[in-house]
């Protein structure tokens, strides 16, 4: 019986050692791997934000000149300088593509077409 117990003890000990190794190596490794993935995503986001900041800084520099400010004020807000007159072009009413059809009374009564005189 002693040999059987020794074998069982060795098996149990082997399982305990494997579980211990799993806790020592596998779980920290998976946690480390997840953290690396999170770091990569954060680095990508930082790079995207840097690029966007650079674009906005270039746009700010481009729009900070007096000429650009004046152009935007005229285009977007229809502002004019003192002494200038602002004009607005208003579209006229839409004209029909075809003249309206003649009524049935005008087609059958000749007096209607020639101004009503007999």
N, C-alpha and C. Protein backbone atom coordinates (compact mmCIF):
# COMPACT_ATOMS: atom_id res chain seq x y z
N UNK A 1 0.80 -1.19 0.00
CA UNK A 1 0.00 0.00 0.00
C UNK A 1 0.85 1.25 0.00
N UNK A 2 1.97 1.15 0.55
CA UNK A 2 2.84 2.29 0.66
C UNK A 2 3.26 2.79 -0.73
N UNK A 3 3.45 1.87 -1.68
CA UNK A 3 3.84 2.26 -3.03
C UNK A 3 2.70 3.00 -3.71
N UNK A 4 1.45 2.54 -3.47
CA UNK A 4 0.30 3.23 -4.07
C UNK A 4 0.16 4.63 -3.52
N UNK A 5 0.33 4.77 -2.24
CA UNK A 5 0.22 6.10 -1.63
C UNK A 5 1.33 7.02 -2.16
N UNK A 6 2.46 6.44 -2.34
CA UNK A 6 3.58 7.23 -2.86
C UNK A 6 3.27 7.71 -4.27
N UNK A 7 2.67 6.86 -5.09
CA UNK A 7 2.31 7.25 -6.46
C UNK A 7 1.21 8.30 -6.43
N UNK A 8 0.19 8.11 -5.61
CA UNK A 8 -0.90 9.10 -5.49
C UNK A 8 -0.34 10.43 -4.99
N UNK A 9 0.54 10.34 -4.01
CA UNK A 9 1.13 11.55 -3.48
C UNK A 9 1.92 12.29 -4.56
N UNK A 10 2.64 11.55 -5.38
CA UNK A 10 3.41 12.17 -6.45
C UNK A 10 2.49 12.80 -7.50
N UNK A 11 1.39 12.13 -7.79
CA UNK A 11 0.41 12.68 -8.76
C UNK A 11 -0.20 13.96 -8.21
N UNK A 12 -0.64 13.91 -6.96
CA UNK A 12 -1.24 15.10 -6.34
C UNK A 12 -0.21 16.22 -6.27
N UNK A 13 0.98 15.87 -5.90
CA UNK A 13 2.05 16.87 -5.83
C UNK A 13 2.32 17.47 -7.22
N UNK A 14 2.32 16.63 -8.24
CA UNK A 14 2.53 17.11 -9.62
C UNK A 14 1.42 18.07 -10.04
N UNK A 15 0.17 17.73 -9.71
CA UNK A 15 -0.96 18.60 -10.04
C UNK A 15 -0.84 19.92 -9.31
N UNK A 16 -0.50 19.87 -8.03
CA UNK A 16 -0.35 21.10 -7.24
C UNK A 16 0.77 21.96 -7.82
N UNK A 17 1.87 21.31 -8.23
CA UNK A 17 2.97 22.06 -8.82
C UNK A 17 2.53 22.70 -10.13
N UNK A 18 1.78 21.97 -10.97
CA UNK A 18 1.29 22.52 -12.24
C UNK A 18 0.34 23.70 -12.01
N UNK A 19 -0.56 23.55 -11.05
CA UNK A 19 -1.46 24.65 -10.73
C UNK A 19 -0.66 25.84 -10.22
N UNK A 20 0.31 25.59 -9.40
CA UNK A 20 1.17 26.66 -8.90
C UNK A 20 1.92 27.35 -10.03
N UNK A 21 2.45 26.57 -10.95
CA UNK A 21 3.13 27.16 -12.10
C UNK A 21 2.16 27.99 -12.96
N UNK A 22 0.92 27.50 -13.08
CA UNK A 22 -0.08 28.26 -13.83
C UNK A 22 -0.31 29.62 -13.18
N UNK A 23 -0.43 29.64 -11.86
CA UNK A 23 -0.62 30.90 -11.16
C UNK A 23 0.60 31.80 -11.28
N UNK A 24 1.76 31.19 -11.27
CA UNK A 24 2.99 31.98 -11.31
C UNK A 24 3.29 32.51 -12.71
N UNK A 25 3.04 31.72 -13.75
CA UNK A 25 3.45 32.11 -15.10
C UNK A 25 2.29 32.46 -16.04
N UNK A 26 1.27 31.62 -16.10
CA UNK A 26 0.22 31.79 -17.11
C UNK A 26 -0.64 33.02 -16.82
N UNK A 27 -1.15 33.14 -15.64
CA UNK A 27 -2.03 34.26 -15.34
C UNK A 27 -1.32 35.60 -15.41
N UNK A 28 -0.14 35.74 -14.85
CA UNK A 28 0.57 37.02 -15.02
C UNK A 28 0.92 37.30 -16.48
N UNK A 29 1.23 36.25 -17.22
CA UNK A 29 1.56 36.45 -18.63
C UNK A 29 0.36 36.95 -19.41
N UNK A 30 -0.81 36.38 -19.17
CA UNK A 30 -2.01 36.86 -19.88
C UNK A 30 -2.35 38.28 -19.45
N UNK A 31 -2.18 38.57 -18.19
CA UNK A 31 -2.41 39.93 -17.72
C UNK A 31 -1.42 40.89 -18.37
N UNK A 32 -0.16 40.49 -18.46
CA UNK A 32 0.86 41.31 -19.10
C UNK A 32 0.51 41.54 -20.57
N UNK A 33 0.05 40.47 -21.24
CA UNK A 33 -0.32 40.58 -22.65
C UNK A 33 -1.47 41.56 -22.84
N UNK A 34 -2.49 41.51 -22.01
CA UNK A 34 -3.62 42.44 -22.09
C UNK A 34 -3.16 43.88 -21.86
N UNK A 35 -2.24 44.06 -20.92
CA UNK A 35 -1.73 45.40 -20.65
C UNK A 35 -0.94 45.93 -21.86
N UNK A 36 -0.18 45.06 -22.51
CA UNK A 36 0.55 45.49 -23.71
C UNK A 36 -0.41 45.92 -24.80
N UNK A 37 -1.49 45.17 -24.98
CA UNK A 37 -2.50 45.54 -25.99
C UNK A 37 -3.12 46.90 -25.66
N UNK A 38 -3.42 47.11 -24.39
CA UNK A 38 -3.99 48.38 -23.96
C UNK A 38 -3.01 49.53 -24.18
N UNK A 39 -1.74 49.28 -23.93
CA UNK A 39 -0.72 50.31 -24.17
C UNK A 39 -0.63 50.64 -25.65
N UNK A 40 -0.68 49.63 -26.50
CA UNK A 40 -0.65 49.86 -27.96
C UNK A 40 -1.83 50.71 -28.40
N UNK A 41 -3.02 50.39 -27.90
CA UNK A 41 -4.21 51.19 -28.26
C UNK A 41 -4.07 52.64 -27.77
N UNK A 42 -3.54 52.81 -26.58
CA UNK A 42 -3.36 54.17 -26.04
C UNK A 42 -2.33 54.93 -26.86
N UNK A 43 -1.25 54.27 -27.28
CA UNK A 43 -0.24 54.93 -28.11
C UNK A 43 -0.82 55.35 -29.46
N UNK A 44 -1.67 54.51 -30.05
CA UNK A 44 -2.31 54.86 -31.31
C UNK A 44 -3.22 56.07 -31.14
N UNK A 45 -3.95 56.10 -30.05
CA UNK A 45 -4.84 57.24 -29.78
C UNK A 45 -4.03 58.52 -29.57
N UNK A 46 -2.92 58.42 -28.86
CA UNK A 46 -2.06 59.59 -28.64
C UNK A 46 -1.54 60.10 -29.98
N UNK A 47 -1.11 59.20 -30.84
CA UNK A 47 -0.61 59.62 -32.16
C UNK A 47 -1.70 60.30 -32.97
N UNK A 48 -2.90 59.76 -32.93
CA UNK A 48 -4.03 60.38 -33.64
C UNK A 48 -4.31 61.77 -33.09
N UNK A 49 -4.29 61.92 -31.78
CA UNK A 49 -4.55 63.22 -31.17
C UNK A 49 -3.43 64.22 -31.50
N UNK A 50 -2.18 63.76 -31.55
CA UNK A 50 -1.07 64.64 -31.94
C UNK A 50 -1.26 65.14 -33.36
N UNK A 51 -1.62 64.24 -34.24
CA UNK A 51 -1.84 64.61 -35.64
C UNK A 51 -2.98 65.63 -35.75
N UNK A 52 -4.06 65.38 -35.04
CA UNK A 52 -5.19 66.31 -35.06
C UNK A 52 -4.79 67.67 -34.49
N UNK A 53 -4.00 67.67 -33.42
CA UNK A 53 -3.54 68.93 -32.84
C UNK A 53 -2.68 69.71 -33.83
N UNK A 54 -1.79 69.01 -34.53
CA UNK A 54 -0.95 69.68 -35.53
C UNK A 54 -1.81 70.28 -36.64
N UNK A 55 -2.82 69.56 -37.10
CA UNK A 55 -3.71 70.09 -38.13
C UNK A 55 -4.43 71.34 -37.63
N UNK A 56 -4.91 71.29 -36.41
CA UNK A 56 -5.61 72.45 -35.85
C UNK A 56 -4.67 73.64 -35.67
N UNK A 57 -3.43 73.39 -35.28
CA UNK A 57 -2.47 74.48 -35.15
C UNK A 57 -2.17 75.12 -36.50
N UNK A 58 -2.03 74.31 -37.55
CA UNK A 58 -1.83 74.86 -38.90
C UNK A 58 -3.04 75.68 -39.33
N UNK A 59 -4.22 75.19 -39.05
CA UNK A 59 -5.45 75.92 -39.40
C UNK A 59 -5.52 77.23 -38.63
N UNK A 60 -5.16 77.19 -37.35
CA UNK A 60 -5.15 78.42 -36.54
C UNK A 60 -4.18 79.44 -37.12
N UNK A 61 -2.99 78.99 -37.48
CA UNK A 61 -2.01 79.91 -38.05
C UNK A 61 -2.48 80.48 -39.37
N UNK A 62 -3.12 79.64 -40.18
CA UNK A 62 -3.62 80.10 -41.49
C UNK A 62 -4.72 81.14 -41.32
N UNK A 63 -5.56 80.96 -40.32
CA UNK A 63 -6.72 81.84 -40.15
C UNK A 63 -6.43 83.05 -39.26
N UNK A 64 -5.21 83.20 -38.79
CA UNK A 64 -4.95 84.30 -37.86
C UNK A 64 -4.56 85.59 -38.56
N UNK A 65 -4.40 85.60 -39.88
CA UNK A 65 -4.05 86.83 -40.58
C UNK A 65 -5.29 87.70 -40.75
N UNK A 66 -5.06 89.02 -40.85
CA UNK A 66 -6.17 89.97 -41.01
C UNK A 66 -6.94 89.72 -42.30
N UNK A 67 -6.23 89.33 -43.36
CA UNK A 67 -6.91 89.08 -44.64
C UNK A 67 -7.88 87.90 -44.52
N UNK A 68 -7.44 86.85 -43.84
CA UNK A 68 -8.31 85.69 -43.68
C UNK A 68 -9.51 86.00 -42.79
N UNK A 69 -9.28 86.77 -41.75
CA UNK A 69 -10.39 87.15 -40.86
C UNK A 69 -11.41 87.96 -41.64
N UNK A 70 -10.94 88.90 -42.46
CA UNK A 70 -11.85 89.72 -43.26
C UNK A 70 -12.61 88.86 -44.26
N UNK A 71 -11.91 87.93 -44.92
CA UNK A 71 -12.57 87.05 -45.90
C UNK A 71 -13.67 86.22 -45.24
N UNK A 72 -13.36 85.64 -44.09
CA UNK A 72 -14.37 84.83 -43.40
C UNK A 72 -15.54 85.68 -42.92
N UNK A 73 -15.26 86.90 -42.44
CA UNK A 73 -16.35 87.77 -41.99
C UNK A 73 -17.27 88.12 -43.14
N UNK A 74 -16.71 88.34 -44.31
CA UNK A 74 -17.55 88.67 -45.48
C UNK A 74 -18.31 87.44 -45.97
N UNK A 75 -17.63 86.30 -46.07
CA UNK A 75 -18.26 85.10 -46.62
C UNK A 75 -19.31 84.50 -45.69
N UNK A 76 -18.94 84.31 -44.44
CA UNK A 76 -19.83 83.57 -43.53
C UNK A 76 -20.87 84.45 -42.86
N UNK A 77 -20.51 85.71 -42.58
CA UNK A 77 -21.41 86.53 -41.77
C UNK A 77 -21.94 87.74 -42.53
N UNK A 78 -21.58 87.87 -43.83
CA UNK A 78 -22.05 88.96 -44.67
C UNK A 78 -21.75 90.33 -44.06
N UNK A 79 -20.60 90.48 -43.44
CA UNK A 79 -20.22 91.76 -42.85
C UNK A 79 -19.55 92.63 -43.90
N UNK A 80 -19.68 93.96 -43.74
CA UNK A 80 -19.05 94.91 -44.63
C UNK A 80 -18.30 95.93 -43.80
N UNK A 81 -17.37 96.62 -44.44
CA UNK A 81 -16.63 97.67 -43.77
C UNK A 81 -17.50 98.92 -43.68
N UNK A 82 -17.19 99.82 -42.74
CA UNK A 82 -17.94 101.08 -42.68
C UNK A 82 -17.82 101.82 -44.00
N UNK A 83 -18.95 102.33 -44.49
CA UNK A 83 -18.97 103.05 -45.76
C UNK A 83 -19.30 102.18 -46.95
N UNK A 84 -19.22 100.86 -46.82
CA UNK A 84 -19.57 99.96 -47.91
C UNK A 84 -21.06 99.66 -47.86
N UNK A 85 -21.62 99.36 -49.00
CA UNK A 85 -23.04 99.00 -49.07
C UNK A 85 -23.14 97.50 -49.33
N UNK A 86 -23.95 96.85 -48.55
CA UNK A 86 -24.16 95.41 -48.72
C UNK A 86 -25.31 95.18 -49.69
N UNK A 87 -25.10 94.27 -50.59
CA UNK A 87 -26.13 93.91 -51.56
C UNK A 87 -26.42 92.43 -51.41
N UNK A 88 -27.67 92.09 -51.61
CA UNK A 88 -28.06 90.69 -51.59
C UNK A 88 -28.85 90.40 -52.86
N UNK A 89 -28.48 89.38 -53.57
CA UNK A 89 -29.18 88.98 -54.77
C UNK A 89 -30.23 87.97 -54.36
N UNK A 90 -31.49 88.35 -54.60
CA UNK A 90 -32.61 87.50 -54.22
C UNK A 90 -33.14 86.85 -55.48
N UNK A 91 -33.30 85.56 -55.51
CA UNK A 91 -33.82 84.91 -56.71
C UNK A 91 -35.26 85.31 -56.95
N UNK A 92 -35.59 85.48 -58.22
CA UNK A 92 -36.96 85.84 -58.59
C UNK A 92 -37.88 84.64 -58.48
N UNK A 93 -39.16 84.89 -58.71
CA UNK A 93 -40.12 83.76 -58.65
C UNK A 93 -39.83 82.79 -59.78
N UNK A 94 -40.10 81.56 -59.51
CA UNK A 94 -39.89 80.54 -60.52
C UNK A 94 -40.93 80.69 -61.62
N UNK A 95 -40.49 80.61 -62.86
CA UNK A 95 -41.42 80.70 -63.99
C UNK A 95 -41.75 79.29 -64.44
N UNK A 96 -43.00 79.06 -64.80
CA UNK A 96 -43.35 77.71 -65.25
C UNK A 96 -42.65 77.39 -66.57
N UNK A 97 -42.37 76.14 -66.78
CA UNK A 97 -41.68 75.70 -67.99
C UNK A 97 -42.56 75.85 -69.22
N UNK A 98 -43.86 75.67 -69.08
CA UNK A 98 -44.80 75.75 -70.21
C UNK A 98 -45.90 76.74 -69.84
N UNK A 99 -46.46 77.42 -70.84
CA UNK A 99 -47.61 78.27 -70.53
C UNK A 99 -48.80 77.40 -70.14
N UNK A 100 -49.68 77.94 -69.29
CA UNK A 100 -50.83 77.12 -68.89
C UNK A 100 -51.70 76.80 -70.09
N UNK A 101 -52.34 75.64 -70.10
CA UNK A 101 -53.19 75.27 -71.25
C UNK A 101 -54.41 76.19 -71.32
N UNK A 102 -54.89 76.40 -72.57
CA UNK A 102 -56.06 77.25 -72.78
C UNK A 102 -57.29 76.54 -72.22
N UNK A 103 -58.19 77.33 -71.67
CA UNK A 103 -59.40 76.72 -71.10
C UNK A 103 -60.33 76.27 -72.21
N UNK A 104 -61.28 75.44 -71.89
CA UNK A 104 -62.23 74.90 -72.87
C UNK A 104 -63.10 76.01 -73.46
N UNK A 105 -63.43 77.06 -72.68
CA UNK A 105 -64.27 78.15 -73.18
C UNK A 105 -63.53 78.94 -74.24
N UNK A 106 -62.24 79.14 -74.10
CA UNK A 106 -61.48 79.89 -75.08
C UNK A 106 -61.35 79.11 -76.38
N UNK A 107 -61.31 77.81 -76.33
CA UNK A 107 -61.15 77.00 -77.53
C UNK A 107 -62.43 76.99 -78.36
N UNK A 108 -63.60 77.01 -77.73
CA UNK A 108 -64.85 76.89 -78.48
C UNK A 108 -65.47 78.23 -78.82
N UNK A 109 -65.21 79.27 -78.07
CA UNK A 109 -65.82 80.59 -78.32
C UNK A 109 -64.79 81.51 -78.95
N UNK A 110 -64.93 81.86 -80.24
CA UNK A 110 -63.95 82.72 -80.91
C UNK A 110 -63.93 84.14 -80.33
N UNK A 111 -64.99 84.59 -79.70
CA UNK A 111 -65.00 85.95 -79.16
C UNK A 111 -64.05 86.11 -78.00
N UNK A 112 -63.77 84.99 -77.31
CA UNK A 112 -62.86 85.06 -76.17
C UNK A 112 -61.43 85.24 -76.65
N UNK A 113 -61.07 84.64 -77.77
CA UNK A 113 -59.69 84.71 -78.25
C UNK A 113 -59.35 86.03 -78.89
N UNK A 114 -60.33 86.71 -79.47
CA UNK A 114 -59.98 87.96 -80.16
C UNK A 114 -60.35 89.19 -79.32
N UNK A 115 -60.42 89.04 -78.05
CA UNK A 115 -60.63 90.17 -77.18
C UNK A 115 -62.08 90.44 -76.88
N UNK A 116 -63.00 89.62 -77.33
CA UNK A 116 -64.41 89.76 -77.00
C UNK A 116 -65.21 90.58 -77.99
N UNK A 117 -64.63 91.07 -79.06
CA UNK A 117 -65.41 91.83 -80.02
C UNK A 117 -65.92 90.90 -81.11
N UNK A 118 -67.22 91.09 -81.54
CA UNK A 118 -67.82 90.18 -82.55
C UNK A 118 -67.34 90.43 -83.94
